[in-house]
Amino acid sequence: MVRLTLTAFLAFATLSLAQITPNNAGARNVGSGNGSQFITGGCVNNADCASGCCANASGVGVCSAEAAQFQNGKAGCNFVDPNSAATIAAAQAQVARQGF
């Protein structure tokens, strides 16, 4: 019984500490500024996101629903990437690798 409890605790702790990462399928929309990025796609500010919410996920922008802006370790909407030029360049390189 103790092992089951410890295992359940460790599984919960692992899930709570999981970090959100942008979905690479949306790399083309990073930095577009036209609101075309879907939820879970990367962003450099709110203007990228169709939801109007670029949430801070440990220093990385991820489009989020406003109601979910604090879930899974996100620190809320209105994230502005201080390294936006590097983030956009990395996204463009991802698009080149993906071919779409």
N, C-alpha and C. Protein backbone atom coordinates (compact mmCIF):
# COMPACT_ATOMS: atom_id res chain seq x y z
N MET A 1 0.82 -1.19 0.00
CA MET A 1 0.00 0.00 0.00
C MET A 1 0.86 1.26 0.00
N VAL A 2 1.95 1.23 0.75
CA VAL A 2 2.83 2.40 0.81
C VAL A 2 3.43 2.67 -0.56
N ARG A 3 3.83 1.63 -1.26
CA ARG A 3 4.42 1.82 -2.58
C ARG A 3 3.43 2.42 -3.56
N LEU A 4 2.21 1.97 -3.49
CA LEU A 4 1.19 2.53 -4.37
C LEU A 4 1.00 4.02 -4.08
N THR A 5 0.97 4.40 -2.84
CA THR A 5 0.81 5.80 -2.47
C THR A 5 2.00 6.63 -2.94
N LEU A 6 3.20 6.13 -2.73
CA LEU A 6 4.40 6.83 -3.17
C LEU A 6 4.43 6.96 -4.69
N THR A 7 4.05 5.90 -5.39
CA THR A 7 4.02 5.93 -6.85
C THR A 7 3.00 6.95 -7.34
N ALA A 8 1.83 6.97 -6.72
CA ALA A 8 0.80 7.93 -7.12
C ALA A 8 1.28 9.36 -6.87
N PHE A 9 1.94 9.59 -5.74
CA PHE A 9 2.46 10.91 -5.43
C PHE A 9 3.49 11.34 -6.47
N LEU A 10 4.42 10.44 -6.81
CA LEU A 10 5.46 10.78 -7.79
C LEU A 10 4.86 11.05 -9.16
N ALA A 11 3.86 10.30 -9.55
CA ALA A 11 3.21 10.53 -10.84
C ALA A 11 2.54 11.90 -10.86
N PHE A 12 1.86 12.25 -9.77
CA PHE A 12 1.21 13.56 -9.69
C PHE A 12 2.24 14.68 -9.71
N ALA A 13 3.34 14.51 -8.97
CA ALA A 13 4.39 15.54 -8.92
C ALA A 13 5.00 15.74 -10.31
N THR A 14 5.21 14.66 -11.03
CA THR A 14 5.78 14.76 -12.37
C THR A 14 4.83 15.52 -13.30
N LEU A 15 3.55 15.23 -13.22
CA LEU A 15 2.58 15.93 -14.06
C LEU A 15 2.49 17.40 -13.70
N SER A 16 2.55 17.72 -12.40
CA SER A 16 2.44 19.12 -12.01
C SER A 16 3.65 19.94 -12.42
N LEU A 17 4.80 19.29 -12.55
CA LEU A 17 6.00 20.01 -12.92
C LEU A 17 6.27 20.01 -14.42
N ALA A 18 5.39 19.35 -15.17
CA ALA A 18 5.57 19.29 -16.62
C ALA A 18 5.54 20.69 -17.20
N GLN A 19 6.44 20.96 -18.10
CA GLN A 19 6.49 22.29 -18.70
C GLN A 19 5.78 22.28 -20.05
N ILE A 20 5.14 23.37 -20.31
CA ILE A 20 4.45 23.56 -21.57
C ILE A 20 5.48 23.98 -22.61
N THR A 21 5.42 23.39 -23.79
CA THR A 21 6.28 23.80 -24.90
C THR A 21 5.39 24.08 -26.11
N PRO A 22 5.77 25.04 -26.94
CA PRO A 22 4.96 25.36 -28.11
C PRO A 22 4.90 24.18 -29.08
N ASN A 23 3.77 24.03 -29.73
CA ASN A 23 3.57 23.02 -30.75
C ASN A 23 4.32 23.46 -32.01
N ASN A 24 5.26 22.65 -32.48
CA ASN A 24 6.08 23.01 -33.65
C ASN A 24 5.27 23.14 -34.94
N ALA A 25 4.09 22.55 -34.99
CA ALA A 25 3.27 22.65 -36.21
C ALA A 25 2.87 24.09 -36.50
N GLY A 26 2.90 24.95 -35.48
CA GLY A 26 2.54 26.35 -35.68
C GLY A 26 3.72 27.28 -35.90
N ALA A 27 4.89 26.72 -36.19
CA ALA A 27 6.10 27.54 -36.33
C ALA A 27 5.94 28.66 -37.35
N ARG A 28 5.20 28.40 -38.41
CA ARG A 28 5.03 29.41 -39.47
C ARG A 28 4.35 30.69 -38.94
N ASN A 29 3.54 30.57 -37.90
CA ASN A 29 2.78 31.71 -37.39
C ASN A 29 3.48 32.49 -36.29
N VAL A 30 4.63 32.03 -35.83
CA VAL A 30 5.35 32.73 -34.76
C VAL A 30 5.85 34.07 -35.29
N GLY A 31 5.47 35.14 -34.61
CA GLY A 31 5.91 36.48 -35.00
C GLY A 31 5.11 37.10 -36.12
N SER A 32 4.04 36.45 -36.58
CA SER A 32 3.24 36.99 -37.68
C SER A 32 2.50 38.26 -37.29
N GLY A 33 2.06 38.33 -36.04
CA GLY A 33 1.35 39.52 -35.56
C GLY A 33 -0.04 39.69 -36.13
N ASN A 34 -0.56 38.67 -36.82
CA ASN A 34 -1.88 38.81 -37.44
C ASN A 34 -2.96 37.93 -36.80
N GLY A 35 -2.68 37.41 -35.60
CA GLY A 35 -3.67 36.61 -34.89
C GLY A 35 -3.97 35.27 -35.50
N SER A 36 -3.03 34.71 -36.26
CA SER A 36 -3.28 33.44 -36.94
C SER A 36 -2.80 32.21 -36.17
N GLN A 37 -2.13 32.41 -35.04
CA GLN A 37 -1.59 31.26 -34.30
C GLN A 37 -2.68 30.60 -33.46
N PHE A 38 -2.69 29.26 -33.48
CA PHE A 38 -3.66 28.48 -32.72
C PHE A 38 -3.19 28.29 -31.27
N ILE A 39 -4.11 27.89 -30.41
CA ILE A 39 -3.78 27.60 -29.02
C ILE A 39 -2.77 26.46 -28.99
N THR A 40 -1.75 26.60 -28.21
CA THR A 40 -0.58 25.72 -28.01
C THR A 40 0.55 26.03 -28.98
N GLY A 41 0.31 26.91 -29.94
CA GLY A 41 1.38 27.32 -30.85
C GLY A 41 2.25 28.39 -30.20
N GLY A 42 3.46 28.55 -30.68
CA GLY A 42 4.38 29.54 -30.15
C GLY A 42 3.98 30.96 -30.51
N CYS A 43 4.44 31.92 -29.71
CA CYS A 43 4.13 33.32 -29.96
C CYS A 43 5.22 34.20 -29.35
N VAL A 44 5.31 35.42 -29.85
CA VAL A 44 6.23 36.39 -29.26
C VAL A 44 5.47 37.50 -28.54
N ASN A 45 4.16 37.61 -28.80
CA ASN A 45 3.29 38.54 -28.07
C ASN A 45 1.83 38.20 -28.39
N ASN A 46 0.91 38.88 -27.74
CA ASN A 46 -0.52 38.60 -27.90
C ASN A 46 -1.00 38.71 -29.34
N ALA A 47 -0.38 39.57 -30.15
CA ALA A 47 -0.84 39.79 -31.53
C ALA A 47 -0.70 38.55 -32.40
N ASP A 48 0.16 37.62 -32.02
CA ASP A 48 0.31 36.39 -32.80
C ASP A 48 -0.89 35.45 -32.65
N CYS A 49 -1.54 35.49 -31.52
CA CYS A 49 -2.52 34.47 -31.13
C CYS A 49 -3.95 34.81 -31.53
N ALA A 50 -4.65 33.82 -32.10
CA ALA A 50 -6.07 33.98 -32.41
C ALA A 50 -6.86 34.23 -31.13
N SER A 51 -6.40 33.69 -30.02
CA SER A 51 -7.07 33.86 -28.73
C SER A 51 -6.74 35.21 -28.09
N GLY A 52 -5.73 35.91 -28.61
CA GLY A 52 -5.31 37.18 -28.03
C GLY A 52 -4.53 37.03 -26.74
N CYS A 53 -4.04 35.81 -26.47
CA CYS A 53 -3.32 35.54 -25.22
C CYS A 53 -2.04 34.77 -25.50
N CYS A 54 -0.92 35.46 -25.40
CA CYS A 54 0.39 34.82 -25.46
C CYS A 54 0.83 34.66 -24.00
N ALA A 55 0.79 33.43 -23.52
CA ALA A 55 1.09 33.17 -22.11
C ALA A 55 2.57 32.85 -21.92
N ASN A 56 3.10 33.28 -20.79
CA ASN A 56 4.49 33.00 -20.43
C ASN A 56 4.58 31.59 -19.86
N ALA A 57 5.26 30.72 -20.56
CA ALA A 57 5.46 29.34 -20.12
C ALA A 57 6.95 29.16 -19.86
N SER A 58 7.40 29.61 -18.70
CA SER A 58 8.81 29.52 -18.31
C SER A 58 9.72 30.26 -19.29
N GLY A 59 9.32 31.46 -19.69
CA GLY A 59 10.13 32.29 -20.56
C GLY A 59 9.92 32.05 -22.04
N VAL A 60 8.93 31.23 -22.38
CA VAL A 60 8.61 30.93 -23.77
C VAL A 60 7.14 31.28 -23.98
N GLY A 61 6.82 31.93 -25.09
CA GLY A 61 5.43 32.29 -25.37
C GLY A 61 4.66 31.15 -25.98
N VAL A 62 3.47 30.88 -25.44
CA VAL A 62 2.58 29.84 -25.95
C VAL A 62 1.17 30.42 -25.99
N CYS A 63 0.54 30.37 -27.16
CA CYS A 63 -0.83 30.86 -27.27
C CYS A 63 -1.73 30.00 -26.38
N SER A 64 -2.58 30.68 -25.65
CA SER A 64 -3.42 30.01 -24.66
C SER A 64 -4.80 30.62 -24.66
N ALA A 65 -5.77 29.84 -24.22
CA ALA A 65 -7.09 30.42 -23.97
C ALA A 65 -6.95 31.27 -22.71
N GLU A 66 -7.67 32.37 -22.65
CA GLU A 66 -7.58 33.24 -21.48
C GLU A 66 -7.94 32.48 -20.20
N ALA A 67 -8.91 31.59 -20.29
CA ALA A 67 -9.33 30.83 -19.12
C ALA A 67 -8.26 29.85 -18.65
N ALA A 68 -7.30 29.53 -19.52
CA ALA A 68 -6.26 28.56 -19.17
C ALA A 68 -4.88 29.21 -19.02
N GLN A 69 -4.83 30.52 -18.92
CA GLN A 69 -3.56 31.23 -18.92
C GLN A 69 -2.65 30.92 -17.72
N PHE A 70 -3.21 30.38 -16.64
CA PHE A 70 -2.40 30.04 -15.47
C PHE A 70 -2.29 28.54 -15.24
N GLN A 71 -2.77 27.74 -16.18
CA GLN A 71 -2.71 26.29 -16.02
C GLN A 71 -1.37 25.73 -16.46
N ASN A 72 -0.99 24.61 -15.88
CA ASN A 72 0.21 23.87 -16.25
C ASN A 72 1.48 24.71 -16.19
N GLY A 73 1.56 25.58 -15.21
CA GLY A 73 2.78 26.35 -15.01
C GLY A 73 2.89 27.63 -15.81
N LYS A 74 1.87 27.97 -16.59
CA LYS A 74 1.90 29.23 -17.34
C LYS A 74 1.71 30.39 -16.38
N ALA A 75 2.30 31.53 -16.70
CA ALA A 75 2.27 32.69 -15.82
C ALA A 75 1.37 33.81 -16.33
N GLY A 76 0.40 33.51 -17.16
CA GLY A 76 -0.57 34.49 -17.60
C GLY A 76 -0.30 35.07 -18.98
N CYS A 77 -1.33 35.73 -19.50
CA CYS A 77 -1.28 36.36 -20.82
C CYS A 77 -0.35 37.58 -20.82
N ASN A 78 -0.22 38.18 -21.97
CA ASN A 78 0.54 39.42 -22.19
C ASN A 78 2.04 39.22 -22.16
N PHE A 79 2.49 38.00 -22.46
CA PHE A 79 3.93 37.75 -22.55
C PHE A 79 4.47 38.48 -23.77
N VAL A 80 5.60 39.13 -23.60
CA VAL A 80 6.33 39.76 -24.71
C VAL A 80 7.73 39.17 -24.67
N ASP A 81 8.08 38.46 -25.71
CA ASP A 81 9.37 37.76 -25.77
C ASP A 81 10.51 38.77 -25.90
N PRO A 82 11.41 38.84 -24.92
CA PRO A 82 12.53 39.78 -25.01
C PRO A 82 13.54 39.38 -26.08
N ASN A 83 13.48 38.14 -26.52
CA ASN A 83 14.38 37.62 -27.57
C ASN A 83 13.58 37.28 -28.82
N SER A 84 12.62 38.13 -29.17
CA SER A 84 11.71 37.81 -30.26
C SER A 84 12.42 37.55 -31.59
N ALA A 85 13.46 38.29 -31.89
CA ALA A 85 14.16 38.08 -33.17
C ALA A 85 14.75 36.66 -33.23
N ALA A 86 15.34 36.20 -32.14
CA ALA A 86 15.91 34.84 -32.10
C ALA A 86 14.80 33.79 -32.14
N THR A 87 13.70 34.07 -31.47
CA THR A 87 12.58 33.12 -31.45
C THR A 87 11.98 32.99 -32.85
N ILE A 88 11.81 34.11 -33.53
CA ILE A 88 11.26 34.09 -34.90
C ILE A 88 12.23 33.38 -35.84
N ALA A 89 13.52 33.63 -35.71
CA ALA A 89 14.52 32.96 -36.55
C ALA A 89 14.49 31.44 -36.31
N ALA A 90 14.37 31.03 -35.06
CA ALA A 90 14.31 29.59 -34.75
C ALA A 90 13.03 28.98 -35.33
N ALA A 91 11.92 29.71 -35.29
CA ALA A 91 10.67 29.21 -35.86
C ALA A 91 10.78 29.09 -37.38
N GLN A 92 11.41 30.05 -38.02
CA GLN A 92 11.60 29.97 -39.48
C GLN A 92 12.48 28.80 -39.86
N ALA A 93 13.50 28.52 -39.04
CA ALA A 93 14.35 27.35 -39.29
C ALA A 93 13.53 26.07 -39.12
N GLN A 94 12.63 26.05 -38.16
CA GLN A 94 11.76 24.89 -37.95
C GLN A 94 10.86 24.68 -39.16
N VAL A 95 10.32 25.75 -39.71
CA VAL A 95 9.48 25.67 -40.91
C VAL A 95 10.29 25.08 -42.06
N ALA A 96 11.52 25.52 -42.22
CA ALA A 96 12.38 25.00 -43.30
C ALA A 96 12.62 23.49 -43.12
N ARG A 97 12.84 23.07 -41.89
CA ARG A 97 13.06 21.63 -41.62
C ARG A 97 11.80 20.82 -41.88
N GLN A 98 10.64 21.40 -41.50
CA GLN A 98 9.37 20.69 -41.68
C GLN A 98 8.95 20.63 -43.15
N GLY A 99 9.26 21.68 -43.88
CA GLY A 99 8.85 21.75 -45.27
C GLY A 99 7.43 22.23 -45.46
N PHE A 100 6.81 22.77 -44.42
CA PHE A 100 5.45 23.34 -44.56
C PHE A 100 5.28 24.50 -43.64
